[in-house]
Amino acid sequence: MGLTLDMPTLRFYTTSGCTLCEQRLAQLTPIAKRLNYPLEVIDIMDDLSAEKAYAECIPVLVRSDRKTPLSGAFDAAAIYRFLT
């Protein structure tokens, strides 16, 4: 399955020292790769609007074609459901 031009992009919001974020990113990365999703990892401390929006609920996974993000203590199964 190749990357298509209309493939949604993923943005994973995290911050330094967030153990839960590190765990979720480790789960997300192979799933996103397997499903051919482009993945951008964003530290909320480098993005003021992201910090305001997500500081209390990281990790946050945003899909460009959906309004509702996936946040908090989600697991690999929730990631897979969110992406399919």
PDB file of N, CA and C in Angstrom:
ATOM      1  N   MET A   1       0.848  -1.181   0.000  1.00  0.00           N
ATOM      2  CA  MET A   1       0.000   0.000   0.000  1.00  0.00           C
ATOM      3  C   MET A   1       0.885   1.232   0.000  1.00  0.00           C
ATOM      4  N   GLY A   2       0.814   2.035  -1.022  1.00  0.00           N
ATOM      5  CA  GLY A   2       1.650   3.216  -1.138  1.00  0.00           C
ATOM      6  C   GLY A   2       0.970   4.445  -0.568  1.00  0.00           C
ATOM      7  N   LEU A   3       1.766   5.439  -0.317  1.00  0.00           N
ATOM      8  CA  LEU A   3       1.265   6.704   0.189  1.00  0.00           C
ATOM      9  C   LEU A   3       0.516   7.429  -0.923  1.00  0.00           C
ATOM     10  N   THR A   4      -0.682   7.893  -0.613  1.00  0.00           N
ATOM     11  CA  THR A   4      -1.449   8.644  -1.595  1.00  0.00           C
ATOM     12  C   THR A   4      -1.482  10.106  -1.185  1.00  0.00           C
ATOM     13  N   LEU A   5      -1.788  10.970  -2.132  1.00  0.00           N
ATOM     14  CA  LEU A   5      -1.806  12.398  -1.855  1.00  0.00           C
ATOM     15  C   LEU A   5      -2.885  12.798  -0.860  1.00  0.00           C
ATOM     16  N   ASP A   6      -3.963  12.037  -0.781  1.00  0.00           N
ATOM     17  CA  ASP A   6      -5.047  12.396   0.122  1.00  0.00           C
ATOM     18  C   ASP A   6      -4.965  11.680   1.470  1.00  0.00           C
ATOM     19  N   MET A   7      -3.855  11.024   1.751  1.00  0.00           N
ATOM     20  CA  MET A   7      -3.674  10.323   3.023  1.00  0.00           C
ATOM     21  C   MET A   7      -3.629  11.351   4.154  1.00  0.00           C
ATOM     22  N   PRO A   8      -4.449  11.180   5.187  1.00  0.00           N
ATOM     23  CA  PRO A   8      -4.415  12.107   6.314  1.00  0.00           C
ATOM     24  C   PRO A   8      -3.040  12.081   6.980  1.00  0.00           C
ATOM     25  N   THR A   9      -2.667  13.193   7.556  1.00  0.00           N
ATOM     26  CA  THR A   9      -1.427  13.233   8.319  1.00  0.00           C
ATOM     27  C   THR A   9      -1.751  13.103   9.799  1.00  0.00           C
ATOM     28  N   LEU A  10      -0.774  12.638  10.544  1.00  0.00           N
ATOM     29  CA  LEU A  10      -0.911  12.483  11.984  1.00  0.00           C
ATOM     30  C   LEU A  10       0.026  13.456  12.671  1.00  0.00           C
ATOM     31  N   ARG A  11      -0.466  14.067  13.732  1.00  0.00           N
ATOM     32  CA  ARG A  11       0.368  14.913  14.579  1.00  0.00           C
ATOM     33  C   ARG A  11       0.271  14.355  15.991  1.00  0.00           C
ATOM     34  N   PHE A  12       1.427  14.052  16.552  1.00  0.00           N
ATOM     35  CA  PHE A  12       1.499  13.519  17.904  1.00  0.00           C
ATOM     36  C   PHE A  12       2.100  14.601  18.789  1.00  0.00           C
ATOM     37  N   TYR A  13       1.305  15.100  19.734  1.00  0.00           N
ATOM     38  CA  TYR A  13       1.749  16.159  20.635  1.00  0.00           C
ATOM     39  C   TYR A  13       2.278  15.532  21.916  1.00  0.00           C
ATOM     40  N   THR A  14       3.457  15.973  22.315  1.00  0.00           N
ATOM     41  CA  THR A  14       4.181  15.400  23.430  1.00  0.00           C
ATOM     42  C   THR A  14       4.962  16.505  24.124  1.00  0.00           C
ATOM     43  N   THR A  15       5.740  16.152  25.132  1.00  0.00           N
ATOM     44  CA  THR A  15       6.703  17.076  25.722  1.00  0.00           C
ATOM     45  C   THR A  15       7.790  16.276  26.412  1.00  0.00           C
ATOM     46  N   SER A  16       8.895  16.909  26.632  1.00  0.00           N
ATOM     47  CA  SER A  16      10.045  16.277  27.265  1.00  0.00           C
ATOM     48  C   SER A  16       9.691  15.799  28.675  1.00  0.00           C
ATOM     49  N   GLY A  17      10.134  14.600  29.009  1.00  0.00           N
ATOM     50  CA  GLY A  17       9.910  14.065  30.345  1.00  0.00           C
ATOM     51  C   GLY A  17       8.565  13.398  30.552  1.00  0.00           C
ATOM     52  N   CYS A  18       7.766  13.300  29.531  1.00  0.00           N
ATOM     53  CA  CYS A  18       6.444  12.669  29.635  1.00  0.00           C
ATOM     54  C   CYS A  18       6.586  11.177  29.325  1.00  0.00           C
ATOM     55  N   THR A  19       6.635  10.369  30.361  1.00  0.00           N
ATOM     56  CA  THR A  19       6.805   8.924  30.192  1.00  0.00           C
ATOM     57  C   THR A  19       5.642   8.315  29.429  1.00  0.00           C
ATOM     58  N   LEU A  20       4.427   8.735  29.734  1.00  0.00           N
ATOM     59  CA  LEU A  20       3.257   8.222  29.020  1.00  0.00           C
ATOM     60  C   LEU A  20       3.358   8.557  27.530  1.00  0.00           C
ATOM     61  N   CYS A  21       3.818   9.759  27.219  1.00  0.00           N
ATOM     62  CA  CYS A  21       3.996  10.158  25.812  1.00  0.00           C
ATOM     63  C   CYS A  21       4.996   9.243  25.114  1.00  0.00           C
ATOM     64  N   GLU A  22       6.104   8.954  25.773  1.00  0.00           N
ATOM     65  CA  GLU A  22       7.127   8.081  25.193  1.00  0.00           C
ATOM     66  C   GLU A  22       6.566   6.689  24.925  1.00  0.00           C
ATOM     67  N   GLN A  23       5.777   6.177  25.867  1.00  0.00           N
ATOM     68  CA  GLN A  23       5.174   4.852  25.700  1.00  0.00           C
ATOM     69  C   GLN A  23       4.197   4.843  24.526  1.00  0.00           C
ATOM     70  N   ARG A  24       3.362   5.875  24.431  1.00  0.00           N
ATOM     71  CA  ARG A  24       2.376   5.920  23.355  1.00  0.00           C
ATOM     72  C   ARG A  24       3.040   6.110  21.998  1.00  0.00           C
ATOM     73  N   LEU A  25       4.096   6.905  21.940  1.00  0.00           N
ATOM     74  CA  LEU A  25       4.809   7.097  20.681  1.00  0.00           C
ATOM     75  C   LEU A  25       5.458   5.789  20.233  1.00  0.00           C
ATOM     76  N   ALA A  26       5.970   5.017  21.186  1.00  0.00           N
ATOM     77  CA  ALA A  26       6.559   3.713  20.853  1.00  0.00           C
ATOM     78  C   ALA A  26       5.506   2.766  20.291  1.00  0.00           C
ATOM     79  N   GLN A  27       4.273   2.877  20.753  1.00  0.00           N
ATOM     80  CA  GLN A  27       3.184   2.060  20.205  1.00  0.00           C
ATOM     81  C   GLN A  27       2.711   2.599  18.864  1.00  0.00           C
ATOM     82  N   LEU A  28       2.620   3.914  18.759  1.00  0.00           N
ATOM     83  CA  LEU A  28       2.095   4.558  17.559  1.00  0.00           C
ATOM     84  C   LEU A  28       2.996   4.391  16.342  1.00  0.00           C
ATOM     85  N   THR A  29       4.281   4.564  16.513  1.00  0.00           N
ATOM     86  CA  THR A  29       5.208   4.602  15.380  1.00  0.00           C
ATOM     87  C   THR A  29       5.098   3.394  14.459  1.00  0.00           C
ATOM     88  N   PRO A  30       5.155   2.155  14.965  1.00  0.00           N
ATOM     89  CA  PRO A  30       5.050   1.020  14.040  1.00  0.00           C
ATOM     90  C   PRO A  30       3.668   0.882  13.400  1.00  0.00           C
ATOM     91  N   ILE A  31       2.622   1.266  14.120  1.00  0.00           N
ATOM     92  CA  ILE A  31       1.269   1.182  13.558  1.00  0.00           C
ATOM     93  C   ILE A  31       1.122   2.192  12.424  1.00  0.00           C
ATOM     94  N   ALA A  32       1.562   3.420  12.654  1.00  0.00           N
ATOM     95  CA  ALA A  32       1.484   4.454  11.615  1.00  0.00           C
ATOM     96  C   ALA A  32       2.305   4.053  10.396  1.00  0.00           C
ATOM     97  N   LYS A  33       3.470   3.493  10.639  1.00  0.00           N
ATOM     98  CA  LYS A  33       4.323   3.061   9.525  1.00  0.00           C
ATOM     99  C   LYS A  33       3.654   1.939   8.730  1.00  0.00           C
ATOM    100  N   ARG A  34       3.101   0.962   9.438  1.00  0.00           N
ATOM    101  CA  ARG A  34       2.436  -0.164   8.783  1.00  0.00           C
ATOM    102  C   ARG A  34       1.262   0.299   7.925  1.00  0.00           C
ATOM    103  N   LEU A  35       0.548   1.311   8.393  1.00  0.00           N
ATOM    104  CA  LEU A  35      -0.627   1.825   7.677  1.00  0.00           C
ATOM    105  C   LEU A  35      -0.281   2.988   6.737  1.00  0.00           C
ATOM    106  N   ASN A  36       0.999   3.304   6.621  1.00  0.00           N
ATOM    107  CA  ASN A  36       1.501   4.353   5.715  1.00  0.00           C
ATOM    108  C   ASN A  36       1.009   5.759   6.041  1.00  0.00           C
ATOM    109  N   TYR A  37       0.869   6.072   7.317  1.00  0.00           N
ATOM    110  CA  TYR A  37       0.494   7.424   7.722  1.00  0.00           C
ATOM    111  C   TYR A  37       1.740   8.268   7.940  1.00  0.00           C
ATOM    112  N   PRO A  38       1.788   9.462   7.355  1.00  0.00           N
ATOM    113  CA  PRO A  38       2.858  10.396   7.700  1.00  0.00           C
ATOM    114  C   PRO A  38       2.662  10.829   9.160  1.00  0.00           C
ATOM    115  N   LEU A  39       3.745  10.862   9.925  1.00  0.00           N
ATOM    116  CA  LEU A  39       3.663  11.174  11.351  1.00  0.00           C
ATOM    117  C   LEU A  39       4.588  12.332  11.678  1.00  0.00           C
ATOM    118  N   GLU A  40       4.022  13.347  12.314  1.00  0.00           N
ATOM    119  CA  GLU A  40       4.791  14.496  12.778  1.00  0.00           C
ATOM    120  C   GLU A  40       4.711  14.511  14.299  1.00  0.00           C
ATOM    121  N   VAL A  41       5.862  14.563  14.961  1.00  0.00           N
ATOM    122  CA  VAL A  41       5.919  14.619  16.418  1.00  0.00           C
ATOM    123  C   VAL A  41       6.213  16.065  16.807  1.00  0.00           C
ATOM    124  N   ILE A  42       5.350  16.617  17.659  1.00  0.00           N
ATOM    125  CA  ILE A  42       5.446  18.031  18.025  1.00  0.00           C
ATOM    126  C   ILE A  42       5.546  18.160  19.539  1.00  0.00           C
ATOM    127  N   ASP A  43       6.598  18.835  19.995  1.00  0.00           N
ATOM    128  CA  ASP A  43       6.742  19.140  21.417  1.00  0.00           C
ATOM    129  C   ASP A  43       5.897  20.382  21.694  1.00  0.00           C
ATOM    130  N   ILE A  44       4.947  20.273  22.603  1.00  0.00           N
ATOM    131  CA  ILE A  44       4.040  21.397  22.865  1.00  0.00           C
ATOM    132  C   ILE A  44       4.783  22.623  23.392  1.00  0.00           C
ATOM    133  N   MET A  45       5.970  22.429  23.959  1.00  0.00           N
ATOM    134  CA  MET A  45       6.735  23.568  24.458  1.00  0.00           C
ATOM    135  C   MET A  45       7.304  24.410  23.311  1.00  0.00           C
ATOM    136  N   ASP A  46       7.320  23.859  22.110  1.00  0.00           N
ATOM    137  CA  ASP A  46       7.807  24.577  20.929  1.00  0.00           C
ATOM    138  C   ASP A  46       6.678  25.214  20.131  1.00  0.00           C
ATOM    139  N   ASP A  47       5.447  25.071  20.597  1.00  0.00           N
ATOM    140  CA  ASP A  47       4.283  25.552  19.847  1.00  0.00           C
ATOM    141  C   ASP A  47       3.269  26.096  20.849  1.00  0.00           C
ATOM    142  N   LEU A  48       3.201  27.411  20.970  1.00  0.00           N
ATOM    143  CA  LEU A  48       2.357  28.051  21.985  1.00  0.00           C
ATOM    144  C   LEU A  48       0.895  27.649  21.878  1.00  0.00           C
ATOM    145  N   SER A  49       0.360  27.584  20.661  1.00  0.00           N
ATOM    146  CA  SER A  49      -1.050  27.211  20.515  1.00  0.00           C
ATOM    147  C   SER A  49      -1.270  25.758  20.925  1.00  0.00           C
ATOM    148  N   ALA A  50      -0.316  24.891  20.625  1.00  0.00           N
ATOM    149  CA  ALA A  50      -0.424  23.486  21.045  1.00  0.00           C
ATOM    150  C   ALA A  50      -0.321  23.371  22.558  1.00  0.00           C
ATOM    151  N   GLU A  51       0.561  24.159  23.156  1.00  0.00           N
ATOM    152  CA  GLU A  51       0.695  24.127  24.611  1.00  0.00           C
ATOM    153  C   GLU A  51      -0.611  24.532  25.277  1.00  0.00           C
ATOM    154  N   LYS A  52      -1.226  25.594  24.782  1.00  0.00           N
ATOM    155  CA  LYS A  52      -2.503  26.047  25.347  1.00  0.00           C
ATOM    156  C   LYS A  52      -3.599  25.003  25.155  1.00  0.00           C
ATOM    157  N   ALA A  53      -3.609  24.371  24.004  1.00  0.00           N
ATOM    158  CA  ALA A  53      -4.670  23.410  23.686  1.00  0.00           C
ATOM    159  C   ALA A  53      -4.491  22.070  24.385  1.00  0.00           C
ATOM    160  N   TYR A  54      -3.244  21.613  24.530  1.00  0.00           N
ATOM    161  CA  TYR A  54      -3.022  20.223  24.931  1.00  0.00           C
ATOM    162  C   TYR A  54      -2.205  20.012  26.204  1.00  0.00           C
ATOM    163  N   ALA A  55      -1.792  21.063  26.885  1.00  0.00           N
ATOM    164  CA  ALA A  55      -0.912  20.914  28.045  1.00  0.00           C
ATOM    165  C   ALA A  55      -1.471  19.975  29.109  1.00  0.00           C
ATOM    166  N   GLU A  56      -2.765  19.976  29.291  1.00  0.00           N
ATOM    167  CA  GLU A  56      -3.377  19.157  30.344  1.00  0.00           C
ATOM    168  C   GLU A  56      -3.769  17.759  29.885  1.00  0.00           C
ATOM    169  N   CYS A  57      -3.585  17.433  28.610  1.00  0.00           N
ATOM    170  CA  CYS A  57      -4.094  16.137  28.137  1.00  0.00           C
ATOM    171  C   CYS A  57      -3.115  15.370  27.251  1.00  0.00           C
ATOM    172  N   ILE A  58      -1.823  15.740  27.251  1.00  0.00           N
ATOM    173  CA  ILE A  58      -0.873  14.984  26.432  1.00  0.00           C
ATOM    174  C   ILE A  58      -0.688  13.593  27.017  1.00  0.00           C
ATOM    175  N   PRO A  59      -0.393  12.628  26.212  1.00  0.00           N
ATOM    176  CA  PRO A  59      -0.172  12.693  24.777  1.00  0.00           C
ATOM    177  C   PRO A  59      -1.482  12.877  24.011  1.00  0.00           C
ATOM    178  N   VAL A  60      -1.364  13.540  22.862  1.00  0.00           N
ATOM    179  CA  VAL A  60      -2.520  13.778  22.003  1.00  0.00           C
ATOM    180  C   VAL A  60      -2.147  13.387  20.579  1.00  0.00           C
ATOM    181  N   LEU A  61      -3.025  12.617  19.952  1.00  0.00           N
ATOM    182  CA  LEU A  61      -2.846  12.225  18.561  1.00  0.00           C
ATOM    183  C   LEU A  61      -3.958  12.869  17.744  1.00  0.00           C
ATOM    184  N   VAL A  62      -3.570  13.665  16.752  1.00  0.00           N
ATOM    185  CA  VAL A  62      -4.520  14.373  15.895  1.00  0.00           C
ATOM    186  C   VAL A  62      -4.393  13.829  14.485  1.00  0.00           C
ATOM    187  N   ARG A  63      -5.530  13.535  13.903  1.00  0.00           N
ATOM    188  CA  ARG A  63      -5.597  13.101  12.505  1.00  0.00           C
ATOM    189  C   ARG A  63      -6.162  14.256  11.700  1.00  0.00           C
ATOM    190  N   SER A  64      -5.509  14.622  10.604  1.00  0.00           N
ATOM    191  CA  SER A  64      -5.881  15.827   9.854  1.00  0.00           C
ATOM    192  C   SER A  64      -7.303  15.801   9.299  1.00  0.00           C
ATOM    193  N   ASP A  65      -7.883  14.632   9.158  1.00  0.00           N
ATOM    194  CA  ASP A  65      -9.233  14.551   8.591  1.00  0.00           C
ATOM    195  C   ASP A  65     -10.320  14.319   9.640  1.00  0.00           C
ATOM    196  N   ARG A  66      -9.981  14.481  10.910  1.00  0.00           N
ATOM    197  CA  ARG A  66     -10.968  14.308  11.990  1.00  0.00           C
ATOM    198  C   ARG A  66     -10.898  15.480  12.947  1.00  0.00           C
ATOM    199  N   LYS A  67     -12.026  15.792  13.552  1.00  0.00           N
ATOM    200  CA  LYS A  67     -12.068  16.904  14.499  1.00  0.00           C
ATOM    201  C   LYS A  67     -11.686  16.476  15.908  1.00  0.00           C
ATOM    202  N   THR A  68     -11.999  15.245  16.283  1.00  0.00           N
ATOM    203  CA  THR A  68     -11.764  14.785  17.642  1.00  0.00           C
ATOM    204  C   THR A  68     -10.434  14.044  17.733  1.00  0.00           C
ATOM    205  N   PRO A  69      -9.523  14.525  18.590  1.00  0.00           N
ATOM    206  CA  PRO A  69      -8.241  13.839  18.741  1.00  0.00           C
ATOM    207  C   PRO A  69      -8.347  12.659  19.703  1.00  0.00           C
ATOM    208  N   LEU A  70      -7.310  11.878  19.727  1.00  0.00           N
ATOM    209  CA  LEU A  70      -7.159  10.790  20.693  1.00  0.00           C
ATOM    210  C   LEU A  70      -6.180  11.308  21.734  1.00  0.00           C
ATOM    211  N   SER A  71      -6.553  11.247  23.012  1.00  0.00           N
ATOM    212  CA  SER A  71      -5.665  11.813  24.027  1.00  0.00           C
ATOM    213  C   SER A  71      -5.684  11.000  25.305  1.00  0.00           C
ATOM    214  N   GLY A  72      -4.656  11.239  26.123  1.00  0.00           N
ATOM    215  CA  GLY A  72      -4.575  10.604  27.425  1.00  0.00           C
ATOM    216  C   GLY A  72      -3.995   9.213  27.379  1.00  0.00           C
ATOM    217  N   ALA A  73      -4.569   8.330  28.173  1.00  0.00           N
ATOM    218  CA  ALA A  73      -4.024   6.984  28.371  1.00  0.00           C
ATOM    219  C   ALA A  73      -4.594   5.980  27.379  1.00  0.00           C
ATOM    220  N   PHE A  74      -4.460   6.253  26.091  1.00  0.00           N
ATOM    221  CA  PHE A  74      -4.931   5.315  25.076  1.00  0.00           C
ATOM    222  C   PHE A  74      -3.905   4.204  24.878  1.00  0.00           C
ATOM    223  N   ASP A  75      -4.349   3.084  24.333  1.00  0.00           N
ATOM    224  CA  ASP A  75      -3.452   1.946  24.115  1.00  0.00           C
ATOM    225  C   ASP A  75      -3.314   1.662  22.622  1.00  0.00           C
ATOM    226  N   ALA A  76      -2.545   0.620  22.289  1.00  0.00           N
ATOM    227  CA  ALA A  76      -2.293   0.275  20.885  1.00  0.00           C
ATOM    228  C   ALA A  76      -3.590  -0.038  20.145  1.00  0.00           C
ATOM    229  N   ALA A  77      -4.523  -0.705  20.801  1.00  0.00           N
ATOM    230  CA  ALA A  77      -5.801  -1.034  20.158  1.00  0.00           C
ATOM    231  C   ALA A  77      -6.578   0.242  19.822  1.00  0.00           C
ATOM    232  N   ALA A  78      -6.558   1.216  20.722  1.00  0.00           N
ATOM    233  CA  ALA A  78      -7.240   2.489  20.464  1.00  0.00           C
ATOM    234  C   ALA A  78      -6.567   3.241  19.318  1.00  0.00           C
ATOM    235  N   ILE A  79      -5.252   3.179  19.255  1.00  0.00           N
ATOM    236  CA  ILE A  79      -4.527   3.813  18.149  1.00  0.00           C
ATOM    237  C   ILE A  79      -4.957   3.187  16.829  1.00  0.00           C
ATOM    238  N   TYR A  80      -4.972   1.875  16.786  1.00  0.00           N
ATOM    239  CA  TYR A  80      -5.339   1.175  15.552  1.00  0.00           C
ATOM    240  C   TYR A  80      -6.760   1.544  15.119  1.00  0.00           C
ATOM    241  N   ARG A  81      -7.699   1.556  16.073  1.00  0.00           N
ATOM    242  CA  ARG A  81      -9.086   1.933  15.751  1.00  0.00           C
ATOM    243  C   ARG A  81      -9.156   3.369  15.243  1.00  0.00           C
ATOM    244  N   PHE A  82      -8.382   4.246  15.832  1.00  0.00           N
ATOM    245  CA  PHE A  82      -8.368   5.654  15.441  1.00  0.00           C
ATOM    246  C   PHE A  82      -7.848   5.833  14.014  1.00  0.00           C
ATOM    247  N   LEU A  83      -6.950   4.963  13.603  1.00  0.00           N
ATOM    248  CA  LEU A  83      -6.323   5.093  12.288  1.00  0.00           C
ATOM    249  C   LEU A  83      -7.022   4.314  11.186  1.00  0.00           C
ATOM    250  N   THR A  84      -7.951   3.434  11.549  1.00  0.00           N
ATOM    251  CA  THR A  84      -8.616   2.626  10.516  1.00  0.00           C
ATOM    252  C   THR A  84     -10.097   2.948  10.442  1.00  0.00           C
TER     253      THR A  84
END
